[in-house]
Protein backbone atom coordinates (compact mmCIF):
# COMPACT_ATOMS: atom_id res chain seq x y z
CA MET A 1 86.51 94.44 41.07
CA THR A 2 88.37 97.13 42.43
CA ASN A 3 90.36 96.78 45.06
CA ILE A 4 91.91 99.89 47.40
CA SER A 5 93.36 99.52 50.59
CA VAL A 6 95.55 101.98 52.58
CA THR A 7 97.05 100.91 55.42
CA GLU A 8 98.46 103.51 58.80
CA VAL A 9 100.11 102.86 62.15
CA LEU A 10 98.85 105.48 63.85
CA ASP A 11 100.14 107.24 67.07
CA GLU A 12 97.00 106.63 68.96
CA ASP A 13 96.02 104.07 71.49
CA ALA A 14 93.14 101.28 69.63
CA GLU A 15 90.25 102.52 72.18
CA THR A 16 90.32 106.32 71.10
CA VAL A 17 90.81 104.87 67.43
CA ARG A 18 87.85 102.69 67.77
CA GLU A 19 85.53 105.85 69.26
CA ARG A 20 86.68 108.35 66.30
CA MET A 21 85.71 105.46 63.57
CA HIS A 22 81.44 104.61 65.35
CA ASP A 23 81.38 108.23 65.04
CA VAL A 24 80.69 107.80 61.97
CA GLU A 25 78.82 111.14 60.52
CA ALA A 26 82.67 112.65 61.98
CA PHE A 27 84.58 109.79 60.39
CA VAL A 28 83.03 110.13 57.03
CA ARG A 29 82.69 114.01 57.09
CA ALA A 30 86.83 113.36 57.55
CA SER A 31 86.74 112.20 54.10
CA GLY A 32 85.79 115.86 52.36
CA PHE A 33 82.17 114.98 51.66
CA ASP A 34 80.25 117.96 50.95
CA GLY A 35 77.42 116.65 52.46
CA VAL A 36 76.89 113.95 55.36
CA ARG A 37 73.02 112.12 56.98
CA ARG A 38 73.11 109.54 58.56
CA ASP A 39 69.81 107.59 60.28
CA GLY A 40 70.29 105.11 61.99
CA ASP A 41 71.91 102.02 59.78
CA VAL A 42 71.84 104.09 57.10
CA VAL A 43 74.14 107.34 55.69
CA GLU A 44 73.65 109.27 52.76
CA VAL A 45 76.63 111.58 51.59
CA ALA A 46 77.55 113.86 48.66
CA ASN A 47 80.66 114.90 47.35
CA GLU A 48 82.01 116.75 44.11
CA VAL A 49 84.32 114.67 41.46
CA GLY A 50 85.12 117.35 38.86
CA PRO A 51 81.95 118.70 37.79
CA VAL A 52 79.85 115.73 38.73
CA THR A 53 78.24 115.65 42.31
CA ILE A 54 77.97 111.98 43.28
CA GLU A 55 75.72 111.03 45.63
CA LEU A 56 75.53 108.06 47.36
CA VAL A 57 73.16 106.20 50.31
CA PHE A 58 75.21 103.53 51.60
CA GLU A 59 74.25 101.07 54.78
CA LEU A 60 75.87 100.14 57.83
CA TYR A 61 76.51 96.29 58.65
CA GLU A 62 78.26 93.62 60.67
CA GLU A 63 81.31 92.31 59.03
CA PRO A 64 83.04 90.08 61.55
CA ASP A 65 86.74 90.93 61.16
CA ALA A 66 85.87 94.04 60.67
CA GLU A 67 85.46 97.66 63.36
CA LEU A 68 83.17 99.34 60.53
CA ALA A 69 81.72 98.49 57.08
CA TYR A 70 79.42 99.56 55.39
CA ARG A 71 77.90 99.07 51.72
CA GLN A 72 76.65 100.74 49.26
CA ARG A 73 72.28 100.65 48.52
CA GLU A 74 71.81 103.48 45.97
CA GLY A 75 74.80 105.26 43.83
CA LEU A 76 76.52 105.00 40.58
CA PHE A 77 78.82 101.88 41.64
CA GLU A 78 76.54 98.19 40.70
CA GLU A 79 78.72 97.46 44.53
CA MET A 80 80.54 99.25 47.06
CA VAL A 81 81.87 97.73 50.31
CA THR A 82 84.28 99.62 52.42
CA THR A 83 85.75 97.81 55.56
CA TYR A 84 88.04 99.17 58.22
CA THR A 85 90.54 97.47 60.34
CA VAL A 86 91.94 98.20 63.94
CA ARG A 87 94.58 96.33 66.00
CA ALA A 88 96.64 97.19 68.66
CA GLU A 89 100.98 97.67 68.06
CA ASN A 90 103.16 97.69 70.03
CA GLY A 91 107.07 97.76 68.43
CA GLU A 92 110.35 100.43 68.29
CA THR A 93 108.50 102.99 65.45
CA ALA A 94 105.12 102.41 66.89
CA GLY A 95 105.64 103.37 70.49
CA ASP A 96 103.37 102.41 73.01
CA ASP A 97 100.27 103.62 72.06
CA ALA A 98 100.02 103.05 68.24
CA THR A 99 97.12 101.32 66.19
CA ALA A 100 97.38 100.05 63.08
CA VAL A 101 93.80 100.87 60.67
CA GLU A 102 93.34 98.96 57.36
CA ALA A 103 90.89 100.80 55.49
CA LEU A 104 89.78 98.31 52.26
CA THR A 105 86.79 99.73 49.71
CA ASP A 106 86.40 97.42 46.62
CA PHE A 107 83.94 98.72 44.19
CA SER A 108 82.07 97.85 40.29
CA LEU A 109 80.83 100.75 38.36
CA ASP A 110 77.58 100.96 36.52
CA VAL A 111 78.94 101.65 32.88
CA ALA A 112 75.00 102.04 31.79
CA VAL A 113 74.92 105.05 35.17
CA VAL A 114 78.71 106.20 34.73
CA GLY A 115 79.60 106.92 31.26
CA SER A 116 82.69 107.58 30.18
CA PHE A 117 83.58 110.79 32.29
CA LEU A 118 84.41 108.82 35.30
CA ASP A 119 86.07 105.54 35.15
CA ALA A 120 87.32 103.91 37.95
CA THR A 121 91.20 105.55 37.47
CA VAL A 122 89.75 108.14 38.77
CA ILE A 123 87.46 106.68 41.77
CA THR A 124 90.28 104.83 42.56
CA ARG A 125 92.64 108.26 43.05
CA GLN A 126 89.53 109.60 44.73
CA ARG A 127 88.96 107.03 47.03
CA ARG A 128 92.48 106.73 48.12
CA ARG A 129 92.30 110.32 48.86
CA GLU A 130 89.29 109.84 51.31
CA LEU A 131 90.83 106.92 52.72
CA ASN A 132 93.55 108.94 53.73
CA ALA A 133 92.10 111.53 55.05
CA GLN A 134 89.78 109.31 57.24
CA LEU A 135 92.68 107.70 59.12
CA ALA A 136 94.89 110.80 59.54
CA TYR A 137 91.08 112.38 61.04
CA LEU A 138 91.57 109.33 63.21
CA GLU A 139 95.00 110.03 64.76
CA SER A 140 93.96 113.53 64.70
CA GLY A 141 90.82 113.93 65.95
CA GLU A 142 89.91 116.65 63.88
CA VAL A 143 88.11 116.71 60.62
């Protein structure tokens, strides 16, 4: 499994961060996906990575320690799980209304599907950009 972790202390209160995160379509769209559609607990996304369009179907699920969690149902990964944790912060640098958010994606590639064009390095780089964009959305509220 390959792990990608991004943590940021946002200058926003935890309640606002949680509300923005639970607007799942906007939150996922903020990562830069070209298409996002939600039907209940199922979310379909499409994204262009270089000359390849990646389509994924993932499902939201309950994870005890996470504010939001989803896992792939259909797509190029053998397995892919993403969780987000939210924690209110106080301190000298964080300010009174600061919130720490950690985004964690674990994935393994299905080599038969992906082939040599996409490797874990390319996927890791792209996913890190997506997670950082989502955290920026949580702070600004703008996609």
